[in-house]
Amino acid sequence: MVHGWDFAQATSQEIDVDPGLAEYVLELARATVGEQQGASGSLGPETAIAESAGNLERLIAFTGRVPAGA
């Protein structure tokens, strides 16, 4: 899902993800992604986003990317 978002950003396209699916993937990411990934440089530190952000934006921010409007 995150790589799909990356591709959409790189090609100036929109990505439409079901909020429930994005929430599920975010929960999986929070449960499985550890400090090793951050230390390896494969993920950046979680970026700050608005409290009103949706689940996809929260997932994107969790991976160190900056969602639009962050």
C-alpha atoms as a PDB file:
ATOM      1  CA  MET A   1       0.000   0.000   0.000  1.00  0.00           C
ATOM      2  CA  VAL A   2       2.824   2.388   0.865  1.00  0.00           C
ATOM      3  CA  HIS A   3       4.669   1.609  -2.356  1.00  0.00           C
ATOM      4  CA  GLY A   4       1.423   2.159  -4.265  1.00  0.00           C
ATOM      5  CA  TRP A   5       1.198   5.563  -2.596  1.00  0.00           C
ATOM      6  CA  ASP A   6       4.835   6.229  -3.557  1.00  0.00           C
ATOM      7  CA  PHE A   7       4.099   5.352  -7.175  1.00  0.00           C
ATOM      8  CA  ALA A   8       0.983   7.527  -7.214  1.00  0.00           C
ATOM      9  CA  GLN A   9       2.971  10.464  -5.834  1.00  0.00           C
ATOM     10  CA  ALA A  10       5.769   9.969  -8.345  1.00  0.00           C
ATOM     11  CA  THR A  11       3.327   9.920 -11.260  1.00  0.00           C
ATOM     12  CA  SER A  12       1.024  12.698 -10.001  1.00  0.00           C
ATOM     13  CA  GLN A  13      -1.910  10.338  -9.545  1.00  0.00           C
ATOM     14  CA  GLU A  14      -4.467   9.927  -6.803  1.00  0.00           C
ATOM     15  CA  ILE A  15      -4.725   6.730  -4.792  1.00  0.00           C
ATOM     16  CA  ASP A  16      -8.058   5.642  -3.381  1.00  0.00           C
ATOM     17  CA  VAL A  17      -7.746   3.244  -0.451  1.00  0.00           C
ATOM     18  CA  ASP A  18     -10.565   1.976   1.732  1.00  0.00           C
ATOM     19  CA  PRO A  19     -10.085   3.579   5.185  1.00  0.00           C
ATOM     20  CA  GLY A  20     -10.668   0.234   6.920  1.00  0.00           C
ATOM     21  CA  LEU A  21      -7.985  -1.448   4.849  1.00  0.00           C
ATOM     22  CA  ALA A  22      -5.556   1.398   5.526  1.00  0.00           C
ATOM     23  CA  GLU A  23      -6.271   1.080   9.253  1.00  0.00           C
ATOM     24  CA  TYR A  24      -5.599  -2.662   9.107  1.00  0.00           C
ATOM     25  CA  VAL A  25      -2.283  -2.160   7.299  1.00  0.00           C
ATOM     26  CA  LEU A  26      -1.297   0.599   9.748  1.00  0.00           C
ATOM     27  CA  GLU A  27      -1.980  -1.721  12.684  1.00  0.00           C
ATOM     28  CA  LEU A  28       0.113  -4.442  11.032  1.00  0.00           C
ATOM     29  CA  ALA A  29       2.930  -1.990  10.405  1.00  0.00           C
ATOM     30  CA  ARG A  30       2.908  -0.746  13.990  1.00  0.00           C
ATOM     31  CA  ALA A  31       2.978  -4.360  15.237  1.00  0.00           C
ATOM     32  CA  THR A  32       5.721  -5.618  12.919  1.00  0.00           C
ATOM     33  CA  VAL A  33       8.017  -2.717  12.035  1.00  0.00           C
ATOM     34  CA  GLY A  34      10.688  -2.264  14.641  1.00  0.00           C
ATOM     35  CA  GLU A  35      13.729  -0.193  15.364  1.00  0.00           C
ATOM     36  CA  GLN A  36      15.835  -2.331  13.012  1.00  0.00           C
ATOM     37  CA  GLN A  37      14.072  -0.908   9.961  1.00  0.00           C
ATOM     38  CA  GLY A  38      14.620   2.624  11.196  1.00  0.00           C
ATOM     39  CA  ALA A  39      18.242   1.948  12.024  1.00  0.00           C
ATOM     40  CA  SER A  40      18.819   0.384   8.601  1.00  0.00           C
ATOM     41  CA  GLY A  41      17.600   3.535   6.872  1.00  0.00           C
ATOM     42  CA  SER A  42      14.724   1.771   5.127  1.00  0.00           C
ATOM     43  CA  LEU A  43      12.231   3.960   7.009  1.00  0.00           C
ATOM     44  CA  GLY A  44      12.491   7.491   8.259  1.00  0.00           C
ATOM     45  CA  PRO A  45      11.193   8.698  11.600  1.00  0.00           C
ATOM     46  CA  GLU A  46       7.427   9.062  11.802  1.00  0.00           C
ATOM     47  CA  THR A  47       6.346  12.457  10.524  1.00  0.00           C
ATOM     48  CA  ALA A  48       3.891  14.691  12.370  1.00  0.00           C
ATOM     49  CA  ILE A  49       0.440  15.010  10.837  1.00  0.00           C
ATOM     50  CA  ALA A  50      -2.865  16.598  11.783  1.00  0.00           C
ATOM     51  CA  GLU A  51      -5.081  14.789  14.264  1.00  0.00           C
ATOM     52  CA  SER A  52      -7.796  14.830  11.614  1.00  0.00           C
ATOM     53  CA  ALA A  53      -5.641  12.852   9.148  1.00  0.00           C
ATOM     54  CA  GLY A  54      -7.089   9.695   7.683  1.00  0.00           C
ATOM     55  CA  ASN A  55      -5.718   6.188   8.073  1.00  0.00           C
ATOM     56  CA  LEU A  56      -3.768   6.226   4.812  1.00  0.00           C
ATOM     57  CA  GLU A  57      -2.076   9.488   5.799  1.00  0.00           C
ATOM     58  CA  ARG A  58      -1.262   7.988   9.208  1.00  0.00           C
ATOM     59  CA  LEU A  59       0.301   4.959   7.531  1.00  0.00           C
ATOM     60  CA  ILE A  60       2.319   7.141   5.188  1.00  0.00           C
ATOM     61  CA  ALA A  61       3.514   9.302   8.081  1.00  0.00           C
ATOM     62  CA  PHE A  62       4.421   6.189  10.093  1.00  0.00           C
ATOM     63  CA  THR A  63       6.875   5.218   7.356  1.00  0.00           C
ATOM     64  CA  GLY A  64       8.601   8.606   7.474  1.00  0.00           C
ATOM     65  CA  ARG A  65       7.013   9.983   4.348  1.00  0.00           C
ATOM     66  CA  VAL A  66       5.188  13.304   4.265  1.00  0.00           C
ATOM     67  CA  PRO A  67       1.577  13.035   3.109  1.00  0.00           C
ATOM     68  CA  ALA A  68       0.013  16.010   1.352  1.00  0.00           C
ATOM     69  CA  GLY A  69      -1.268  18.579   3.796  1.00  0.00           C
ATOM     70  CA  ALA A  70       0.913  17.329   6.654  1.00  0.00           C
END
